[in-house]
Amino acid sequence: MGTISSTDVALTSGEIVNMGTMNNEGLGISGGTFTNMGSGVATIDSILILGSACTFMNMGTVNSIAIAQGYSGTGVIPAFHNMGTGTITCDSIGQTGGELHNHGTMIVNFDLGNFTPGLFENHCSLSVGRDFGNTGTFLTEQLVSVGGDWGNSGDVNGPTIGCGGFTVAGASGNTGNFGTDGSFIDMCDASSGSFDLNTGSLGANVSSCTCTSNCTVDVTEIEKLNVSIYPNPSSGTFAITFEEVIENVSVKLIDAQGKIAYTSKVQTSPSINVNADDLSAGIYFLSIQKNGLEVLGKKIIIE
C-alpha cells in the first residue's frame, strides 16, 4: 500500500497487485495478472499487453499516455478489464488482438483504434476526444462520444435491449457491418444526423439521433455497499454480505478472458450466497450490480 516508482515494470508470470501509488514510465505484461485495486492510483506512461493468458484489471485510477494490446497467437488471449469503480484516462488506445471490457469510465483524449481480431466491449462511459477507428469487433451498450472522425470496416453492434451508439463531431463513414446482428444501435453525426458515407451493411434496428442511453456510476451507492466476502479464496462457495439491505442487486463472476462464468438472480437482500463449485480454479472478477449497472468490482480466487 506504498509507492512504486521506477522506469519500467515487466510482468511475465504471477501477479502484481497495487493498492497504493505507482509512477512508472512503462508497464509490459507478457504473462500473469496486474491488478490495480480501488485504492490504487497508477500513473504509467505506456501500458503494453502482449502475451497469452495475461490480464490487466483496474478497479481504481489509471492515468496513461498510451495503452496497447495485441496478440495473434493460438493460446489464451489477453484481456483488459476496467471495472465499474475504475477510471482510466489516456491519450490513446490501440488494440490489435485480445479483449478489452469497459464497465467503468474511460476517457481517451485523442484516438481509439480497435483492429482485427480485437474485441472491444463498452458497457458504461466512454469518450474519445479525436478519432475512432474499428476493423475488429466493437460492442457498445451506451452512447460513445467521438470528438473527431468515425470509421468502421469491421463489426459494430449494440445491446439487444435498450440502445447504444455514437455521437460524432467530425465525419463518419461505414464500410463494414453496423447493427447487423439485430441489436439496437444509433448513429448521430453532427453534420448529417446519420452517416456521412455508408457503403456497408446496416441492421434493421439502426437509428439516427434517438438514443439517450448514458451510463453513470453513483459514488454514493458504492459507498453504501460496504461489502464483505467470505471466504476468499474459496472453493467457489462464498457469501457476499452488505451492511444494509440492497435493492435490485445481483452479481456476476467474470473469468480472466472476460467471459461471464456465473450470474446470480436479481434480489433485494443484505447478502448473496454464491455457489460456483463447478468453476475451474483461478482468478475471477466479481461484478456487483445495482439496477443493472455495475457499482463495485472485487477480485475472487477459486482454488
Protein backbone atom coordinates (compact mmCIF):
# COMPACT_ATOMS: atom_id res chain seq x y z
CA MET A 1 0.00 0.00 0.00
CA GLY A 2 3.03 2.22 -0.51
CA THR A 3 4.59 3.80 -3.59
CA ILE A 4 6.25 2.09 -6.56
CA SER A 5 8.43 4.35 -8.68
CA SER A 6 10.68 3.01 -11.42
CA THR A 7 11.45 3.37 -15.09
CA ASP A 8 9.80 0.16 -16.33
CA VAL A 9 7.97 -2.81 -14.85
CA ALA A 10 7.83 -6.14 -16.70
CA LEU A 11 5.39 -8.88 -15.69
CA THR A 12 5.98 -12.30 -17.28
CA SER A 13 4.13 -14.51 -14.78
CA GLY A 14 2.50 -14.40 -11.37
CA GLU A 15 0.69 -11.31 -10.12
CA ILE A 16 1.25 -7.67 -9.24
CA VAL A 17 -1.37 -6.00 -7.01
CA ASN A 18 -1.27 -2.24 -6.49
CA MET A 19 -3.20 -0.74 -3.58
CA GLY A 20 -1.10 2.41 -3.29
CA THR A 21 0.64 4.66 -5.82
CA MET A 22 2.57 3.69 -8.95
CA ASN A 23 4.63 6.10 -11.03
CA ASN A 24 6.28 4.34 -13.96
CA GLU A 25 7.36 5.08 -17.49
CA GLY A 26 6.27 1.67 -18.75
CA LEU A 27 4.36 -1.49 -17.79
CA GLY A 28 4.80 -4.53 -20.01
CA ILE A 29 2.68 -7.64 -19.46
CA SER A 30 3.50 -10.83 -21.34
CA GLY A 31 2.07 -13.20 -18.73
CA GLY A 32 0.35 -13.15 -15.35
CA THR A 33 -2.13 -10.67 -13.88
CA PHE A 34 -1.79 -6.98 -12.96
CA THR A 35 -4.49 -5.68 -10.62
CA ASN A 36 -4.97 -2.04 -9.64
CA MET A 37 -7.30 -2.11 -6.64
CA GLY A 38 -9.92 0.51 -5.78
CA SER A 39 -7.47 2.44 -3.61
CA GLY A 40 -4.74 2.26 -6.25
CA VAL A 41 -3.56 5.20 -8.35
CA ALA A 42 -1.33 4.12 -11.23
CA THR A 43 0.34 6.73 -13.43
CA ILE A 44 2.07 4.79 -16.21
CA ASP A 45 3.22 6.46 -19.43
CA SER A 46 2.94 3.31 -21.57
CA ILE A 47 0.95 0.13 -20.90
CA LEU A 48 1.76 -2.72 -23.27
CA ILE A 49 -0.05 -6.08 -23.09
CA LEU A 50 1.45 -8.65 -25.44
CA GLY A 51 1.16 -12.30 -24.50
CA SER A 52 -1.03 -15.29 -24.00
CA ALA A 53 -3.15 -15.65 -20.83
CA CYS A 54 -2.27 -12.27 -19.34
CA THR A 55 -4.74 -9.93 -17.67
CA PHE A 56 -4.91 -6.25 -16.75
CA MET A 57 -7.57 -5.46 -14.14
CA ASN A 58 -8.42 -1.94 -12.93
CA MET A 59 -10.75 -1.04 -10.08
CA GLY A 60 -9.05 2.24 -9.17
CA THR A 61 -7.50 5.10 -11.15
CA VAL A 62 -5.12 4.73 -14.09
CA ASN A 63 -3.51 7.64 -15.95
CA SER A 64 -1.54 6.82 -19.09
CA ILE A 65 -0.27 8.27 -22.35
CA ALA A 66 -0.69 5.13 -24.47
CA ILE A 67 -2.38 1.76 -23.93
CA ALA A 68 -1.69 -1.00 -26.46
CA GLN A 69 -2.84 -4.60 -26.50
CA GLY A 70 -2.08 -7.16 -29.17
CA TYR A 71 -1.84 -10.90 -29.65
CA SER A 72 -2.02 -13.10 -32.74
CA GLY A 73 -1.14 -16.50 -31.27
CA THR A 74 -3.30 -19.53 -30.62
CA GLY A 75 -3.18 -19.60 -26.82
CA VAL A 76 -5.49 -17.94 -24.30
CA ILE A 77 -5.95 -14.36 -25.49
CA PRO A 78 -5.07 -11.42 -23.22
CA ALA A 79 -7.85 -9.48 -21.51
CA PHE A 80 -8.09 -5.90 -20.26
CA HIS A 81 -10.81 -5.07 -17.71
CA ASN A 82 -11.89 -1.67 -16.40
CA MET A 83 -14.45 -2.43 -13.71
CA GLY A 84 -17.35 -0.26 -12.54
CA THR A 85 -15.28 1.59 -9.95
CA GLY A 86 -12.40 2.09 -12.39
CA THR A 87 -11.45 5.29 -14.16
CA ILE A 88 -8.91 5.26 -16.97
CA THR A 89 -7.65 8.44 -18.61
CA CYS A 90 -5.20 8.12 -21.50
CA ASP A 91 -4.15 9.85 -24.70
CA SER A 92 -4.64 6.83 -26.99
CA ILE A 93 -5.74 3.20 -27.10
CA GLY A 94 -4.67 0.75 -29.79
CA GLN A 95 -5.73 -2.87 -29.82
CA THR A 96 -4.75 -5.43 -32.45
CA GLY A 97 -5.76 -8.56 -30.58
CA GLY A 98 -7.20 -9.62 -27.26
CA GLU A 99 -10.29 -8.34 -25.48
CA LEU A 100 -10.98 -5.03 -23.77
CA HIS A 101 -14.01 -4.74 -21.46
CA ASN A 102 -15.06 -1.39 -20.02
CA HIS A 103 -17.60 -1.38 -17.18
CA GLY A 104 -16.44 1.91 -15.68
CA THR A 105 -15.22 5.23 -17.06
CA MET A 106 -12.73 5.54 -19.92
CA ILE A 107 -11.59 8.93 -21.22
CA VAL A 108 -9.42 8.79 -24.36
CA ASN A 109 -8.06 12.27 -25.04
CA PHE A 110 -7.10 11.61 -28.65
CA ASP A 111 -7.52 8.42 -30.75
CA LEU A 112 -9.02 4.96 -30.20
CA GLY A 113 -8.34 2.13 -32.63
CA ASN A 114 -9.68 -1.41 -32.37
CA PHE A 115 -8.22 -3.59 -35.11
CA THR A 116 -8.94 -7.15 -36.18
CA PRO A 117 -9.04 -9.56 -34.42
CA GLY A 118 -9.59 -7.30 -31.40
CA LEU A 119 -12.81 -7.31 -29.37
CA PHE A 120 -13.81 -4.12 -27.54
CA GLU A 121 -16.90 -4.21 -25.30
CA ASN A 122 -18.13 -0.95 -23.78
CA HIS A 123 -20.75 -1.31 -21.07
CA CYS A 124 -20.54 2.12 -19.46
CA SER A 125 -18.90 5.52 -20.03
CA LEU A 126 -16.50 6.00 -22.95
CA SER A 127 -15.43 9.23 -24.65
CA VAL A 128 -12.93 9.69 -27.49
CA GLY A 129 -11.50 13.19 -27.91
CA ARG A 130 -10.45 12.82 -31.53
CA ASP A 131 -10.79 9.88 -33.96
CA PHE A 132 -12.41 6.44 -33.63
CA GLY A 133 -11.49 3.57 -35.93
CA ASN A 134 -12.63 -0.07 -35.94
CA THR A 135 -11.75 -3.02 -38.15
CA GLY A 136 -12.40 -5.62 -35.45
CA THR A 137 -15.48 -6.23 -33.31
CA PHE A 138 -16.87 -3.38 -31.21
CA LEU A 139 -19.90 -3.60 -28.92
CA THR A 140 -21.36 -0.66 -27.02
CA GLU A 141 -24.34 -0.67 -24.67
CA GLN A 142 -24.12 3.10 -24.15
CA LEU A 143 -23.56 6.25 -26.19
CA VAL A 144 -19.91 6.87 -27.06
CA SER A 145 -18.83 10.47 -27.64
CA VAL A 146 -16.36 10.96 -30.54
CA GLY A 147 -14.83 14.44 -30.93
CA GLY A 148 -13.33 13.84 -34.39
CA ASP A 149 -13.89 11.39 -37.24
CA TRP A 150 -15.50 7.94 -37.00
CA GLY A 151 -14.75 4.98 -39.27
CA ASN A 152 -15.74 1.32 -39.33
CA SER A 153 -14.85 -1.51 -41.69
CA GLY A 154 -15.44 -4.26 -39.13
CA ASP A 155 -18.43 -5.13 -36.95
CA VAL A 156 -20.14 -2.63 -34.63
CA ASN A 157 -23.15 -3.71 -32.59
CA GLY A 158 -25.29 -2.56 -29.68
CA PRO A 159 -27.40 -4.23 -27.00
CA THR A 160 -30.46 -6.41 -27.58
CA ILE A 161 -32.40 -4.34 -25.01
CA GLY A 162 -32.12 -0.55 -24.74
CA CYS A 163 -29.70 1.15 -27.10
CA GLY A 164 -26.09 2.11 -27.64
CA GLY A 165 -24.37 4.19 -30.26
CA PHE A 166 -22.19 7.16 -31.14
CA THR A 167 -22.32 10.94 -31.24
CA VAL A 168 -19.76 12.11 -33.80
CA ALA A 169 -18.50 15.68 -34.20
CA GLY A 170 -16.49 15.01 -37.40
CA ALA A 171 -17.01 12.88 -40.47
CA SER A 172 -18.50 9.37 -40.20
CA GLY A 173 -18.01 6.53 -42.66
CA ASN A 174 -19.12 2.90 -42.57
CA THR A 175 -17.90 0.23 -44.97
CA GLY A 176 -18.47 -2.65 -42.55
CA ASN A 177 -21.38 -4.05 -40.57
CA PHE A 178 -23.37 -1.79 -38.26
CA GLY A 179 -26.04 -3.41 -36.11
CA THR A 180 -26.40 -6.36 -38.48
CA ASP A 181 -26.92 -8.77 -35.57
CA GLY A 182 -30.33 -7.14 -34.95
CA SER A 183 -29.13 -5.10 -31.97
CA PHE A 184 -30.27 -1.56 -31.20
CA ILE A 185 -27.59 0.95 -32.15
CA ASP A 186 -27.66 4.62 -33.05
CA MET A 187 -25.50 6.92 -35.16
CA CYS A 188 -25.75 10.66 -34.56
CA ASP A 189 -23.41 12.62 -36.82
CA ALA A 190 -23.26 16.35 -36.14
CA SER A 191 -23.50 17.32 -39.81
CA SER A 192 -25.85 14.78 -41.35
CA GLY A 193 -27.60 13.01 -38.49
CA SER A 194 -26.85 9.60 -39.91
CA PHE A 195 -23.65 8.53 -41.71
CA ASP A 196 -21.82 10.94 -43.98
CA LEU A 197 -20.90 7.92 -46.09
CA ASN A 198 -22.19 4.35 -45.89
CA THR A 199 -21.30 1.57 -48.32
CA GLY A 200 -21.58 -1.15 -45.70
CA SER A 201 -24.48 -3.07 -44.19
CA LEU A 202 -26.97 -1.66 -41.69
CA GLY A 203 -29.19 -3.72 -39.41
CA ALA A 204 -32.95 -3.43 -39.06
CA ASN A 205 -32.77 -1.67 -35.67
CA VAL A 206 -30.26 1.06 -36.55
CA SER A 207 -31.49 4.52 -35.55
CA SER A 208 -30.35 8.11 -36.02
CA CYS A 209 -30.02 10.53 -33.09
CA THR A 210 -32.73 8.91 -30.96
CA CYS A 211 -30.68 7.06 -28.34
CA THR A 212 -30.09 8.79 -25.00
CA SER A 213 -28.53 5.89 -23.11
CA ASN A 214 -25.72 7.10 -20.85
CA CYS A 215 -24.04 5.19 -18.05
CA THR A 216 -23.23 6.90 -14.77
CA VAL A 217 -21.80 5.30 -11.66
CA ASP A 218 -23.28 6.70 -8.45
CA VAL A 219 -20.39 7.01 -5.99
CA THR A 220 -22.82 7.33 -3.07
CA GLU A 221 -24.27 3.93 -3.94
CA ILE A 222 -20.76 2.44 -3.98
CA GLU A 223 -20.02 3.88 -0.55
CA LYS A 224 -23.24 2.44 0.88
CA LEU A 225 -22.38 -1.12 -0.10
CA ASN A 226 -19.60 -1.81 2.45
CA VAL A 227 -19.14 -5.32 1.13
CA SER A 228 -17.54 -8.24 2.92
CA ILE A 229 -16.75 -11.50 1.10
CA TYR A 230 -16.02 -14.71 2.98
CA PRO A 231 -14.19 -16.92 2.41
CA ASN A 232 -11.85 -15.61 -0.26
CA PRO A 233 -10.03 -17.67 -1.54
CA SER A 234 -12.74 -20.32 -1.66
CA SER A 235 -13.73 -23.49 -3.47
CA GLY A 236 -16.38 -21.50 -5.34
CA THR A 237 -18.88 -21.23 -2.49
CA PHE A 238 -18.79 -17.93 -0.61
CA ALA A 239 -21.07 -15.29 0.89
CA ILE A 240 -21.31 -11.62 -0.04
CA THR A 241 -22.63 -9.56 2.86
CA PHE A 242 -23.71 -5.92 2.74
CA GLU A 243 -24.01 -3.58 5.70
CA GLU A 244 -27.66 -2.95 4.86
CA VAL A 245 -30.41 -4.33 2.63
CA ILE A 246 -29.63 -3.53 -1.03
CA GLU A 247 -32.42 -3.34 -3.59
CA ASN A 248 -32.21 -4.88 -7.06
CA VAL A 249 -28.71 -6.27 -6.55
CA SER A 250 -27.07 -9.08 -8.49
CA VAL A 251 -23.55 -10.40 -9.04
CA LYS A 252 -21.53 -11.84 -11.90
CA LEU A 253 -18.26 -13.72 -11.91
CA ILE A 254 -16.05 -12.88 -14.90
CA ASP A 255 -13.09 -15.08 -15.79
CA ALA A 256 -9.66 -13.86 -16.85
CA GLN A 257 -10.71 -13.91 -20.53
CA GLY A 258 -13.67 -11.61 -19.88
CA LYS A 259 -16.35 -14.31 -20.12
CA ILE A 260 -19.26 -14.35 -17.69
CA ALA A 261 -18.87 -17.58 -15.70
CA TYR A 262 -21.63 -17.11 -13.13
CA THR A 263 -24.69 -14.87 -12.73
CA SER A 264 -26.96 -14.60 -9.70
CA LYS A 265 -30.63 -13.68 -9.68
CA VAL A 266 -31.64 -10.07 -9.05
CA GLN A 267 -32.76 -9.74 -5.43
CA THR A 268 -33.32 -7.37 -2.54
CA SER A 269 -31.21 -8.65 0.31
CA PRO A 270 -28.46 -7.93 2.83
CA SER A 271 -26.45 -10.88 1.48
CA ILE A 272 -25.93 -13.11 -1.55
CA ASN A 273 -24.71 -16.69 -1.41
CA VAL A 274 -22.64 -17.75 -4.43
CA ASN A 275 -22.43 -21.45 -5.31
CA ALA A 276 -19.97 -21.86 -8.16
CA ASP A 277 -18.12 -25.05 -7.20
CA ASP A 278 -18.12 -26.17 -10.84
CA LEU A 279 -15.78 -23.37 -11.93
CA SER A 280 -12.13 -24.06 -12.63
CA ALA A 281 -9.51 -22.81 -10.19
CA GLY A 282 -8.19 -19.35 -10.97
CA ILE A 283 -8.71 -15.61 -10.57
CA TYR A 284 -12.19 -14.21 -11.21
CA PHE A 285 -13.58 -10.71 -11.06
CA LEU A 286 -16.75 -10.19 -9.05
CA SER A 287 -19.07 -7.59 -10.55
CA ILE A 288 -21.72 -6.33 -8.13
CA GLN A 289 -24.58 -4.68 -9.96
CA LYS A 290 -27.44 -2.49 -8.74
CA ASN A 291 -30.36 -1.82 -11.06
CA GLY A 292 -28.37 -3.44 -13.88
CA LEU A 293 -25.31 -1.15 -13.55
CA GLU A 294 -22.02 -2.23 -12.06
CA VAL A 295 -21.24 -0.33 -8.87
CA LEU A 296 -18.38 -2.35 -7.44
CA GLY A 297 -15.74 -4.84 -8.56
CA LYS A 298 -13.74 -7.27 -6.43
CA LYS A 299 -11.14 -9.91 -7.11
CA ILE A 300 -12.13 -13.50 -6.26
CA ILE A 301 -9.79 -16.50 -6.08
CA ILE A 302 -11.17 -20.00 -6.56
CA GLU A 303 -8.87 -22.83 -5.52
